Amino acid sequence: MKSEFGKGLCYCLGLFLSHAERNRHSGLEKYVGFELWFNAASDHLFDLQIDSAPKHLRKRMDRFRTKCIIFGHGFPKKTATLNDFAWAIQEAKDLLRLIDKANKVPTEKGDYE
């Protein structure tokens, strides 16, 4: 069976972040609410394989996924803000960096991430 929005851990986080990059270049947030952005981006989190994450990150990843899906799919209805958008982007980046660190991959937060 083929996945419609991707399946994996880092792969799905990367797909989620790719929506932020598209948004940054298009200025989309000026024209639509952040809920629409979360709706498209959070689709990639439905098959986020949290069980394959380092054990100490699993609860944090679950909170990230749950919050993003709530913003994007309205269960219950929640209005997303620019701060929610910024938090989600930074949290996805931080999680990717922490996964690298747990796998003993040298990692450092960049000044221009």
PDB file of N, CA and C in Angstrom:
ATOM      1  N   MET A   1       0.844  -1.181   0.000  1.00  0.00           N
ATOM      2  CA  MET A   1       0.000   0.000   0.000  1.00  0.00           C
ATOM      3  C   MET A   1       0.886   1.240   0.000  1.00  0.00           C
ATOM      4  N   LYS A   2       0.568   2.186  -0.828  1.00  0.00           N
ATOM      5  CA  LYS A   2       1.329   3.413  -0.946  1.00  0.00           C
ATOM      6  C   LYS A   2       0.715   4.492  -0.052  1.00  0.00           C
ATOM      7  N   SER A   3       1.560   5.265   0.598  1.00  0.00           N
ATOM      8  CA  SER A   3       1.093   6.323   1.482  1.00  0.00           C
ATOM      9  C   SER A   3       0.779   7.586   0.678  1.00  0.00           C
ATOM     10  N   GLU A   4      -0.312   8.221   1.009  1.00  0.00           N
ATOM     11  CA  GLU A   4      -0.685   9.453   0.305  1.00  0.00           C
ATOM     12  C   GLU A   4       0.168  10.647   0.755  1.00  0.00           C
ATOM     13  N   PHE A   5       0.491  10.726   2.050  1.00  0.00           N
ATOM     14  CA  PHE A   5       1.198  11.893   2.569  1.00  0.00           C
ATOM     15  C   PHE A   5       2.550  11.553   3.181  1.00  0.00           C
ATOM     16  N   GLY A   6       3.004  10.320   3.003  1.00  0.00           N
ATOM     17  CA  GLY A   6       4.302   9.912   3.519  1.00  0.00           C
ATOM     18  C   GLY A   6       4.182   9.173   4.838  1.00  0.00           C
ATOM     19  N   LYS A   7       5.164   8.336   5.092  1.00  0.00           N
ATOM     20  CA  LYS A   7       5.222   7.569   6.323  1.00  0.00           C
ATOM     21  C   LYS A   7       6.683   7.530   6.750  1.00  0.00           C
ATOM     22  N   GLY A   8       6.923   7.735   8.006  1.00  0.00           N
ATOM     23  CA  GLY A   8       8.279   7.723   8.529  1.00  0.00           C
ATOM     24  C   GLY A   8       8.383   8.636   9.728  1.00  0.00           C
ATOM     25  N   LEU A   9       9.598   8.933  10.098  1.00  0.00           N
ATOM     26  CA  LEU A   9       9.852   9.820  11.233  1.00  0.00           C
ATOM     27  C   LEU A   9      10.454  11.122  10.702  1.00  0.00           C
ATOM     28  N   CYS A  10      11.719  11.093  10.379  1.00  0.00           N
ATOM     29  CA  CYS A  10      12.374  12.300   9.862  1.00  0.00           C
ATOM     30  C   CYS A  10      11.797  12.718   8.513  1.00  0.00           C
ATOM     31  N   TYR A  11      11.438  11.732   7.704  1.00  0.00           N
ATOM     32  CA  TYR A  11      10.857  12.039   6.394  1.00  0.00           C
ATOM     33  C   TYR A  11       9.587  12.875   6.547  1.00  0.00           C
ATOM     34  N   CYS A  12       8.690  12.470   7.440  1.00  0.00           N
ATOM     35  CA  CYS A  12       7.436  13.204   7.641  1.00  0.00           C
ATOM     36  C   CYS A  12       7.670  14.578   8.257  1.00  0.00           C
ATOM     37  N   LEU A  13       8.632  14.676   9.164  1.00  0.00           N
ATOM     38  CA  LEU A  13       8.973  15.994   9.712  1.00  0.00           C
ATOM     39  C   LEU A  13       9.508  16.900   8.606  1.00  0.00           C
ATOM     40  N   GLY A  14      10.303  16.331   7.705  1.00  0.00           N
ATOM     41  CA  GLY A  14      10.823  17.102   6.571  1.00  0.00           C
ATOM     42  C   GLY A  14       9.718  17.572   5.645  1.00  0.00           C
ATOM     43  N   LEU A  15       8.759  16.702   5.377  1.00  0.00           N
ATOM     44  CA  LEU A  15       7.633  17.098   4.524  1.00  0.00           C
ATOM     45  C   LEU A  15       6.812  18.200   5.189  1.00  0.00           C
ATOM     46  N   PHE A  16       6.606  18.080   6.493  1.00  0.00           N
ATOM     47  CA  PHE A  16       5.906  19.121   7.252  1.00  0.00           C
ATOM     48  C   PHE A  16       6.633  20.464   7.082  1.00  0.00           C
ATOM     49  N   LEU A  17       7.946  20.450   7.263  1.00  0.00           N
ATOM     50  CA  LEU A  17       8.736  21.680   7.148  1.00  0.00           C
ATOM     51  C   LEU A  17       8.756  22.238   5.724  1.00  0.00           C
ATOM     52  N   SER A  18       8.636  21.376   4.740  1.00  0.00           N
ATOM     53  CA  SER A  18       8.642  21.872   3.357  1.00  0.00           C
ATOM     54  C   SER A  18       7.463  22.806   3.102  1.00  0.00           C
ATOM     55  N   HIS A  19       6.376  22.612   3.823  1.00  0.00           N
ATOM     56  CA  HIS A  19       5.236  23.523   3.690  1.00  0.00           C
ATOM     57  C   HIS A  19       5.582  24.916   4.216  1.00  0.00           C
ATOM     58  N   ALA A  20       6.397  24.976   5.239  1.00  0.00           N
ATOM     59  CA  ALA A  20       6.803  26.276   5.783  1.00  0.00           C
ATOM     60  C   ALA A  20       7.671  27.020   4.779  1.00  0.00           C
ATOM     61  N   GLU A  21       8.530  26.295   4.103  1.00  0.00           N
ATOM     62  CA  GLU A  21       9.398  26.933   3.111  1.00  0.00           C
ATOM     63  C   GLU A  21       8.573  27.480   1.954  1.00  0.00           C
ATOM     64  N   ARG A  22       7.607  26.709   1.503  1.00  0.00           N
ATOM     65  CA  ARG A  22       6.720  27.198   0.434  1.00  0.00           C
ATOM     66  C   ARG A  22       5.961  28.429   0.898  1.00  0.00           C
ATOM     67  N   ASN A  23       5.496  28.400   2.149  1.00  0.00           N
ATOM     68  CA  ASN A  23       4.750  29.522   2.704  1.00  0.00           C
ATOM     69  C   ASN A  23       5.630  30.769   2.785  1.00  0.00           C
ATOM     70  N   ARG A  24       6.871  30.586   3.191  1.00  0.00           N
ATOM     71  CA  ARG A  24       7.795  31.715   3.344  1.00  0.00           C
ATOM     72  C   ARG A  24       8.029  32.422   2.017  1.00  0.00           C
ATOM     73  N   HIS A  25       8.117  31.647   0.953  1.00  0.00           N
ATOM     74  CA  HIS A  25       8.381  32.238  -0.362  1.00  0.00           C
ATOM     75  C   HIS A  25       7.135  32.817  -1.015  1.00  0.00           C
ATOM     76  N   SER A  26       5.978  32.311  -0.665  1.00  0.00           N
ATOM     77  CA  SER A  26       4.758  32.782  -1.312  1.00  0.00           C
ATOM     78  C   SER A  26       4.052  33.882  -0.530  1.00  0.00           C
ATOM     79  N   GLY A  27       4.405  34.054   0.751  1.00  0.00           N
ATOM     80  CA  GLY A  27       3.707  35.027   1.580  1.00  0.00           C
ATOM     81  C   GLY A  27       2.262  34.633   1.827  1.00  0.00           C
ATOM     82  N   LEU A  28       1.988  33.336   1.781  1.00  0.00           N
ATOM     83  CA  LEU A  28       0.629  32.823   1.878  1.00  0.00           C
ATOM     84  C   LEU A  28      -0.095  33.275   3.137  1.00  0.00           C
ATOM     85  N   GLU A  29       0.645  33.449   4.240  1.00  0.00           N
ATOM     86  CA  GLU A  29      -0.029  33.786   5.490  1.00  0.00           C
ATOM     87  C   GLU A  29      -0.756  35.135   5.416  1.00  0.00           C
ATOM     88  N   LYS A  30      -0.414  35.966   4.450  1.00  0.00           N
ATOM     89  CA  LYS A  30      -1.107  37.242   4.294  1.00  0.00           C
ATOM     90  C   LYS A  30      -2.522  37.046   3.741  1.00  0.00           C
ATOM     91  N   TYR A  31      -2.748  35.902   3.081  1.00  0.00           N
ATOM     92  CA  TYR A  31      -3.997  35.706   2.361  1.00  0.00           C
ATOM     93  C   TYR A  31      -4.920  34.668   2.982  1.00  0.00           C
ATOM     94  N   VAL A  32      -4.377  33.760   3.753  1.00  0.00           N
ATOM     95  CA  VAL A  32      -5.203  32.709   4.357  1.00  0.00           C
ATOM     96  C   VAL A  32      -4.834  32.563   5.820  1.00  0.00           C
ATOM     97  N   GLY A  33      -5.727  32.001   6.587  1.00  0.00           N
ATOM     98  CA  GLY A  33      -5.436  31.756   7.988  1.00  0.00           C
ATOM     99  C   GLY A  33      -4.419  30.647   8.160  1.00  0.00           C
ATOM    100  N   PHE A  34      -3.813  30.616   9.308  1.00  0.00           N
ATOM    101  CA  PHE A  34      -2.820  29.582   9.582  1.00  0.00           C
ATOM    102  C   PHE A  34      -3.453  28.201   9.682  1.00  0.00           C
ATOM    103  N   GLU A  35      -4.756  28.139   9.937  1.00  0.00           N
ATOM    104  CA  GLU A  35      -5.423  26.840   9.985  1.00  0.00           C
ATOM    105  C   GLU A  35      -5.303  26.119   8.651  1.00  0.00           C
ATOM    106  N   LEU A  36      -5.396  26.865   7.550  1.00  0.00           N
ATOM    107  CA  LEU A  36      -5.274  26.256   6.229  1.00  0.00           C
ATOM    108  C   LEU A  36      -3.859  25.724   6.030  1.00  0.00           C
ATOM    109  N   TRP A  37      -2.866  26.480   6.474  1.00  0.00           N
ATOM    110  CA  TRP A  37      -1.487  26.000   6.371  1.00  0.00           C
ATOM    111  C   TRP A  37      -1.321  24.735   7.216  1.00  0.00           C
ATOM    112  N   PHE A  38      -1.789  24.770   8.462  1.00  0.00           N
ATOM    113  CA  PHE A  38      -1.693  23.596   9.324  1.00  0.00           C
ATOM    114  C   PHE A  38      -2.451  22.411   8.719  1.00  0.00           C
ATOM    115  N   ASN A  39      -3.555  22.673   8.045  1.00  0.00           N
ATOM    116  CA  ASN A  39      -4.327  21.597   7.440  1.00  0.00           C
ATOM    117  C   ASN A  39      -3.482  20.842   6.420  1.00  0.00           C
ATOM    118  N   ALA A  40      -2.791  21.553   5.567  1.00  0.00           N
ATOM    119  CA  ALA A  40      -1.959  20.913   4.539  1.00  0.00           C
ATOM    120  C   ALA A  40      -0.701  20.294   5.148  1.00  0.00           C
ATOM    121  N   ALA A  41      -0.031  21.032   6.015  1.00  0.00           N
ATOM    122  CA  ALA A  41       1.239  20.554   6.578  1.00  0.00           C
ATOM    123  C   ALA A  41       1.041  19.376   7.518  1.00  0.00           C
ATOM    124  N   SER A  42      -0.005  19.426   8.326  1.00  0.00           N
ATOM    125  CA  SER A  42      -0.183  18.368   9.326  1.00  0.00           C
ATOM    126  C   SER A  42      -0.638  17.043   8.718  1.00  0.00           C
ATOM    127  N   ASP A  43      -1.091  17.051   7.472  1.00  0.00           N
ATOM    128  CA  ASP A  43      -1.402  15.777   6.809  1.00  0.00           C
ATOM    129  C   ASP A  43      -0.200  14.839   6.848  1.00  0.00           C
ATOM    130  N   HIS A  44       1.002  15.389   6.805  1.00  0.00           N
ATOM    131  CA  HIS A  44       2.228  14.589   6.813  1.00  0.00           C
ATOM    132  C   HIS A  44       2.529  13.997   8.185  1.00  0.00           C
ATOM    133  N   LEU A  45       1.775  14.395   9.199  1.00  0.00           N
ATOM    134  CA  LEU A  45       2.028  13.900  10.557  1.00  0.00           C
ATOM    135  C   LEU A  45       1.130  12.733  10.949  1.00  0.00           C
ATOM    136  N   PHE A  46       0.134  12.425  10.130  1.00  0.00           N
ATOM    137  CA  PHE A  46      -0.757  11.310  10.474  1.00  0.00           C
ATOM    138  C   PHE A  46       0.011   9.993  10.562  1.00  0.00           C
ATOM    139  N   ASP A  47       0.969   9.778   9.679  1.00  0.00           N
ATOM    140  CA  ASP A  47       1.760   8.543   9.690  1.00  0.00           C
ATOM    141  C   ASP A  47       3.171   8.775  10.217  1.00  0.00           C
ATOM    142  N   LEU A  48       3.317   9.757  11.100  1.00  0.00           N
ATOM    143  CA  LEU A  48       4.583  10.001  11.773  1.00  0.00           C
ATOM    144  C   LEU A  48       4.856   8.816  12.697  1.00  0.00           C
ATOM    145  N   GLN A  49       5.930   8.120  12.466  1.00  0.00           N
ATOM    146  CA  GLN A  49       6.238   6.889  13.189  1.00  0.00           C
ATOM    147  C   GLN A  49       6.938   7.199  14.511  1.00  0.00           C
ATOM    148  N   ILE A  50       6.159   7.675  15.470  1.00  0.00           N
ATOM    149  CA  ILE A  50       6.685   8.108  16.762  1.00  0.00           C
ATOM    150  C   ILE A  50       7.381   6.971  17.504  1.00  0.00           C
ATOM    151  N   ASP A  51       6.895   5.756  17.356  1.00  0.00           N
ATOM    152  CA  ASP A  51       7.510   4.620  18.058  1.00  0.00           C
ATOM    153  C   ASP A  51       8.949   4.361  17.622  1.00  0.00           C
ATOM    154  N   SER A  52       9.343   4.873  16.468  1.00  0.00           N
ATOM    155  CA  SER A  52      10.716   4.683  16.015  1.00  0.00           C
ATOM    156  C   SER A  52      11.641   5.803  16.489  1.00  0.00           C
ATOM    157  N   ALA A  53      11.076   6.800  17.156  1.00  0.00           N
ATOM    158  CA  ALA A  53      11.883   7.915  17.691  1.00  0.00           C
ATOM    159  C   ALA A  53      12.622   7.451  18.946  1.00  0.00           C
ATOM    160  N   PRO A  54      13.713   8.146  19.279  1.00  0.00           N
ATOM    161  CA  PRO A  54      14.356   7.853  20.568  1.00  0.00           C
ATOM    162  C   PRO A  54      13.316   7.954  21.681  1.00  0.00           C
ATOM    163  N   LYS A  55      13.382   7.030  22.607  1.00  0.00           N
ATOM    164  CA  LYS A  55      12.345   6.897  23.639  1.00  0.00           C
ATOM    165  C   LYS A  55      12.081   8.210  24.379  1.00  0.00           C
ATOM    166  N   HIS A  56      13.127   8.961  24.691  1.00  0.00           N
ATOM    167  CA  HIS A  56      12.953  10.189  25.466  1.00  0.00           C
ATOM    168  C   HIS A  56      12.267  11.313  24.676  1.00  0.00           C
ATOM    169  N   LEU A  57      12.084  11.143  23.364  1.00  0.00           N
ATOM    170  CA  LEU A  57      11.433  12.167  22.546  1.00  0.00           C
ATOM    171  C   LEU A  57       9.996  11.821  22.168  1.00  0.00           C
ATOM    172  N   ARG A  58       9.553  10.630  22.474  1.00  0.00           N
ATOM    173  CA  ARG A  58       8.250  10.165  21.982  1.00  0.00           C
ATOM    174  C   ARG A  58       7.074  10.988  22.496  1.00  0.00           C
ATOM    175  N   LYS A  59       7.047  11.328  23.773  1.00  0.00           N
ATOM    176  CA  LYS A  59       5.935  12.131  24.305  1.00  0.00           C
ATOM    177  C   LYS A  59       5.936  13.526  23.684  1.00  0.00           C
ATOM    178  N   ARG A  60       7.113  14.096  23.539  1.00  0.00           N
ATOM    179  CA  ARG A  60       7.224  15.428  22.937  1.00  0.00           C
ATOM    180  C   ARG A  60       6.751  15.394  21.482  1.00  0.00           C
ATOM    181  N   MET A  61       7.126  14.356  20.761  1.00  0.00           N
ATOM    182  CA  MET A  61       6.703  14.226  19.367  1.00  0.00           C
ATOM    183  C   MET A  61       5.194  14.022  19.275  1.00  0.00           C
ATOM    184  N   ASP A  62       4.638  13.255  20.190  1.00  0.00           N
ATOM    185  CA  ASP A  62       3.195  13.037  20.193  1.00  0.00           C
ATOM    186  C   ASP A  62       2.455  14.345  20.464  1.00  0.00           C
ATOM    187  N   ARG A  63       2.947  15.147  21.410  1.00  0.00           N
ATOM    188  CA  ARG A  63       2.329  16.451  21.684  1.00  0.00           C
ATOM    189  C   ARG A  63       2.403  17.358  20.455  1.00  0.00           C
ATOM    190  N   PHE A  64       3.558  17.357  19.782  1.00  0.00           N
ATOM    191  CA  PHE A  64       3.751  18.155  18.569  1.00  0.00           C
ATOM    192  C   PHE A  64       2.727  17.743  17.504  1.00  0.00           C
ATOM    193  N   ARG A  65       2.659  16.445  17.232  1.00  0.00           N
ATOM    194  CA  ARG A  65       1.736  15.944  16.207  1.00  0.00           C
ATOM    195  C   ARG A  65       0.295  16.287  16.567  1.00  0.00           C
ATOM    196  N   THR A  66      -0.102  16.013  17.800  1.00  0.00           N
ATOM    197  CA  THR A  66      -1.476  16.253  18.231  1.00  0.00           C
ATOM    198  C   THR A  66      -1.847  17.725  18.094  1.00  0.00           C
ATOM    199  N   LYS A  67      -0.989  18.600  18.561  1.00  0.00           N
ATOM    200  CA  LYS A  67      -1.280  20.039  18.508  1.00  0.00           C
ATOM    201  C   LYS A  67      -1.395  20.523  17.058  1.00  0.00           C
ATOM    202  N   CYS A  68      -0.496  20.081  16.196  1.00  0.00           N
ATOM    203  CA  CYS A  68      -0.534  20.506  14.789  1.00  0.00           C
ATOM    204  C   CYS A  68      -1.785  19.992  14.085  1.00  0.00           C
ATOM    205  N   ILE A  69      -2.175  18.758  14.368  1.00  0.00           N
ATOM    206  CA  ILE A  69      -3.379  18.206  13.747  1.00  0.00           C
ATOM    207  C   ILE A  69      -4.626  18.930  14.251  1.00  0.00           C
ATOM    208  N   ILE A  70      -4.651  19.277  15.522  1.00  0.00           N
ATOM    209  CA  ILE A  70      -5.784  20.043  16.056  1.00  0.00           C
ATOM    210  C   ILE A  70      -5.887  21.390  15.351  1.00  0.00           C
ATOM    211  N   PHE A  71      -4.760  22.081  15.171  1.00  0.00           N
ATOM    212  CA  PHE A  71      -4.789  23.363  14.468  1.00  0.00           C
ATOM    213  C   PHE A  71      -5.274  23.201  13.032  1.00  0.00           C
ATOM    214  N   GLY A  72      -4.877  22.132  12.382  1.00  0.00           N
ATOM    215  CA  GLY A  72      -5.184  21.975  10.972  1.00  0.00           C
ATOM    216  C   GLY A  72      -6.498  21.308  10.646  1.00  0.00           C
ATOM    217  N   HIS A  73      -6.999  20.530  11.573  1.00  0.00           N
ATOM    218  CA  HIS A  73      -8.182  19.752  11.244  1.00  0.00           C
ATOM    219  C   HIS A  73      -9.345  20.013  12.190  1.00  0.00           C
ATOM    220  N   GLY A  74      -9.149  20.926  13.140  1.00  0.00           N
ATOM    221  CA  GLY A  74     -10.247  21.420  13.960  1.00  0.00           C
ATOM    222  C   GLY A  74     -10.934  20.427  14.869  1.00  0.00           C
ATOM    223  N   PHE A  75     -10.165  19.570  15.505  1.00  0.00           N
ATOM    224  CA  PHE A  75     -10.747  18.601  16.450  1.00  0.00           C
ATOM    225  C   PHE A  75     -10.267  18.894  17.849  1.00  0.00           C
ATOM    226  N   PRO A  76     -10.811  19.708  18.645  1.00  0.00           N
ATOM    227  CA  PRO A  76     -11.911  20.637  18.384  1.00  0.00           C
ATOM    228  C   PRO A  76     -11.397  21.860  17.637  1.00  0.00           C
ATOM    229  N   LYS A  77     -12.296  22.746  17.242  1.00  0.00           N
ATOM    230  CA  LYS A  77     -11.895  23.928  16.475  1.00  0.00           C
ATOM    231  C   LYS A  77     -10.932  24.775  17.294  1.00  0.00           C
ATOM    232  N   LYS A  78      -9.813  25.087  16.713  1.00  0.00           N
ATOM    233  CA  LYS A  78      -8.782  25.886  17.377  1.00  0.00           C
ATOM    234  C   LYS A  78      -8.245  26.859  16.348  1.00  0.00           C
ATOM    235  N   THR A  79      -8.140  28.114  16.703  1.00  0.00           N
ATOM    236  CA  THR A  79      -7.613  29.119  15.799  1.00  0.00           C
ATOM    237  C   THR A  79      -6.104  29.226  15.980  1.00  0.00           C
ATOM    238  N   ALA A  80      -5.376  28.992  14.907  1.00  0.00           N
ATOM    239  CA  ALA A  80      -3.913  29.064  14.944  1.00  0.00           C
ATOM    240  C   ALA A  80      -3.453  30.498  14.706  1.00  0.00           C
ATOM    241  N   THR A  81      -2.370  30.861  15.341  1.00  0.00           N
ATOM    242  CA  THR A  81      -1.809  32.208  15.235  1.00  0.00           C
ATOM    243  C   THR A  81      -0.411  32.140  14.629  1.00  0.00           C
ATOM    244  N   LEU A  82       0.149  33.302  14.370  1.00  0.00           N
ATOM    245  CA  LEU A  82       1.534  33.375  13.901  1.00  0.00           C
ATOM    246  C   LEU A  82       2.472  32.735  14.920  1.00  0.00           C
ATOM    247  N   ASN A  83       2.202  32.919  16.208  1.00  0.00           N
ATOM    248  CA  ASN A  83       3.030  32.284  17.242  1.00  0.00           C
ATOM    249  C   ASN A  83       2.936  30.764  17.193  1.00  0.00           C
ATOM    250  N   ASP A  84       1.742  30.226  16.922  1.00  0.00           N
ATOM    251  CA  ASP A  84       1.579  28.773  16.792  1.00  0.00           C
ATOM    252  C   ASP A  84       2.365  28.260  15.589  1.00  0.00           C
ATOM    253  N   PHE A  85       2.290  28.986  14.496  1.00  0.00           N
ATOM    254  CA  PHE A  85       3.038  28.644  13.282  1.00  0.00           C
ATOM    255  C   PHE A  85       4.537  28.632  13.577  1.00  0.00           C
ATOM    256  N   ALA A  86       5.038  29.695  14.207  1.00  0.00           N
ATOM    257  CA  ALA A  86       6.464  29.785  14.532  1.00  0.00           C
ATOM    258  C   ALA A  86       6.884  28.662  15.485  1.00  0.00           C
ATOM    259  N   TRP A  87       6.033  28.362  16.481  1.00  0.00           N
ATOM    260  CA  TRP A  87       6.343  27.273  17.414  1.00  0.00           C
ATOM    261  C   TRP A  87       6.466  25.946  16.669  1.00  0.00           C
ATOM    262  N   ALA A  88       5.507  25.654  15.791  1.00  0.00           N
ATOM    263  CA  ALA A  88       5.496  24.371  15.083  1.00  0.00           C
ATOM    264  C   ALA A  88       6.732  24.203  14.211  1.00  0.00           C
ATOM    265  N   ILE A  89       7.127  25.254  13.534  1.00  0.00           N
ATOM    266  CA  ILE A  89       8.311  25.182  12.673  1.00  0.00           C
ATOM    267  C   ILE A  89       9.550  24.940  13.528  1.00  0.00           C
ATOM    268  N   GLN A  90       9.701  25.708  14.599  1.00  0.00           N
ATOM    269  CA  GLN A  90      10.882  25.546  15.455  1.00  0.00           C
ATOM    270  C   GLN A  90      10.886  24.180  16.134  1.00  0.00           C
ATOM    271  N   GLU A  91       9.727  23.719  16.570  1.00  0.00           N
ATOM    272  CA  GLU A  91       9.644  22.422  17.233  1.00  0.00           C
ATOM    273  C   GLU A  91      10.040  21.295  16.281  1.00  0.00           C
ATOM    274  N   ALA A  92       9.591  21.351  15.031  1.00  0.00           N
ATOM    275  CA  ALA A  92       9.977  20.327  14.052  1.00  0.00           C
ATOM    276  C   ALA A  92      11.488  20.343  13.829  1.00  0.00           C
ATOM    277  N   LYS A  93      12.076  21.523  13.713  1.00  0.00           N
ATOM    278  CA  LYS A  93      13.531  21.627  13.542  1.00  0.00           C
ATOM    279  C   LYS A  93      14.259  21.081  14.765  1.00  0.00           C
ATOM    280  N   ASP A  94      13.787  21.461  15.940  1.00  0.00           N
ATOM    281  CA  ASP A  94      14.429  20.992  17.175  1.00  0.00           C
ATOM    282  C   ASP A  94      14.337  19.469  17.296  1.00  0.00           C
ATOM    283  N   LEU A  95      13.189  18.905  16.953  1.00  0.00           N
ATOM    284  CA  LEU A  95      13.036  17.449  17.020  1.00  0.00           C
ATOM    285  C   LEU A  95      13.998  16.752  16.065  1.00  0.00           C
ATOM    286  N   LEU A  96      14.138  17.266  14.867  1.00  0.00           N
ATOM    287  CA  LEU A  96      15.088  16.671  13.920  1.00  0.00           C
ATOM    288  C   LEU A  96      16.520  16.729  14.460  1.00  0.00           C
ATOM    289  N   ARG A  97      16.875  17.862  15.036  1.00  0.00           N
ATOM    290  CA  ARG A  97      18.213  18.016  15.602  1.00  0.00           C
ATOM    291  C   ARG A  97      18.421  17.045  16.769  1.00  0.00           C
ATOM    292  N   LEU A  98      17.404  16.879  17.616  1.00  0.00           N
ATOM    293  CA  LEU A  98      17.508  15.977  18.768  1.00  0.00           C
ATOM    294  C   LEU A  98      17.563  14.502  18.340  1.00  0.00           C
ATOM    295  N   ILE A  99      16.907  14.173  17.248  1.00  0.00           N
ATOM    296  CA  ILE A  99      17.005  12.811  16.714  1.00  0.00           C
ATOM    297  C   ILE A  99      18.434  12.548  16.254  1.00  0.00           C
ATOM    298  N   ASP A 100      19.017  13.510  15.539  1.00  0.00           N
ATOM    299  CA  ASP A 100      20.428  13.377  15.146  1.00  0.00           C
ATOM    300  C   ASP A 100      21.314  13.184  16.372  1.00  0.00           C
ATOM    301  N   LYS A 101      21.115  14.032  17.367  1.00  0.00           N
ATOM    302  CA  LYS A 101      21.933  13.954  18.585  1.00  0.00           C
ATOM    303  C   LYS A 101      21.798  12.580  19.241  1.00  0.00           C
ATOM    304  N   ALA A 102      20.575  12.048  19.316  1.00  0.00           N
ATOM    305  CA  ALA A 102      20.348  10.733  19.915  1.00  0.00           C
ATOM    306  C   ALA A 102      21.040   9.628  19.116  1.00  0.00           C
ATOM    307  N   ASN A 103      21.181   9.855  17.816  1.00  0.00           N
ATOM    308  CA  ASN A 103      21.872   8.897  16.949  1.00  0.00           C
ATOM    309  C   ASN A 103      23.364   9.189  16.832  1.00  0.00           C
ATOM    310  N   LYS A 104      23.840  10.072  17.710  1.00  0.00           N
ATOM    311  CA  LYS A 104      25.255  10.438  17.793  1.00  0.00           C
ATOM    312  C   LYS A 104      25.793  11.072  16.505  1.00  0.00           C
ATOM    313  N   VAL A 105      24.910  11.776  15.814  1.00  0.00           N
ATOM    314  CA  VAL A 105      25.306  12.546  14.638  1.00  0.00           C
ATOM    315  C   VAL A 105      25.637  13.948  15.136  1.00  0.00           C
ATOM    316  N   PRO A 106      26.867  14.420  14.887  1.00  0.00           N
ATOM    317  CA  PRO A 106      27.204  15.773  15.344  1.00  0.00           C
ATOM    318  C   PRO A 106      26.201  16.779  14.774  1.00  0.00           C
ATOM    319  N   THR A 107      25.638  17.577  15.647  1.00  0.00           N
ATOM    320  CA  THR A 107      24.621  18.532  15.226  1.00  0.00           C
ATOM    321  C   THR A 107      24.786  19.834  15.985  1.00  0.00           C
ATOM    322  N   GLU A 108      24.442  20.893  15.340  1.00  0.00           N
ATOM    323  CA  GLU A 108      24.523  22.219  15.943  1.00  0.00           C
ATOM    324  C   GLU A 108      23.477  23.101  15.295  1.00  0.00           C
ATOM    325  N   LYS A 109      22.750  23.849  16.087  1.00  0.00           N
ATOM    326  CA  LYS A 109      21.741  24.755  15.551  1.00  0.00           C
ATOM    327  C   LYS A 109      22.450  25.879  14.784  1.00  0.00           C
ATOM    328  N   GLY A 110      21.991  26.111  13.563  1.00  0.00           N
ATOM    329  CA  GLY A 110      22.619  27.133  12.728  1.00  0.00           C
ATOM    330  C   GLY A 110      22.093  28.522  13.021  1.00  0.00           C
ATOM    331  N   ASP A 111      22.924  29.512  12.795  1.00  0.00           N
ATOM    332  CA  ASP A 111      22.491  30.898  12.961  1.00  0.00           C
ATOM    333  C   ASP A 111      21.397  31.259  11.951  1.00  0.00           C
ATOM    334  N   TYR A 112      21.467  30.661  10.776  1.00  0.00           N
ATOM    335  CA  TYR A 112      20.528  30.989   9.701  1.00  0.00           C
ATOM    336  C   TYR A 112      19.694  29.760   9.326  1.00  0.00           C
ATOM    337  N   GLU A 113      19.078  29.132  10.321  1.00  0.00           N
ATOM    338  CA  GLU A 113      18.324  27.911  10.013  1.00  0.00           C
ATOM    339  C   GLU A 113      17.036  28.159   9.325  1.00  0.00           C
TER     340      GLU A 113
END
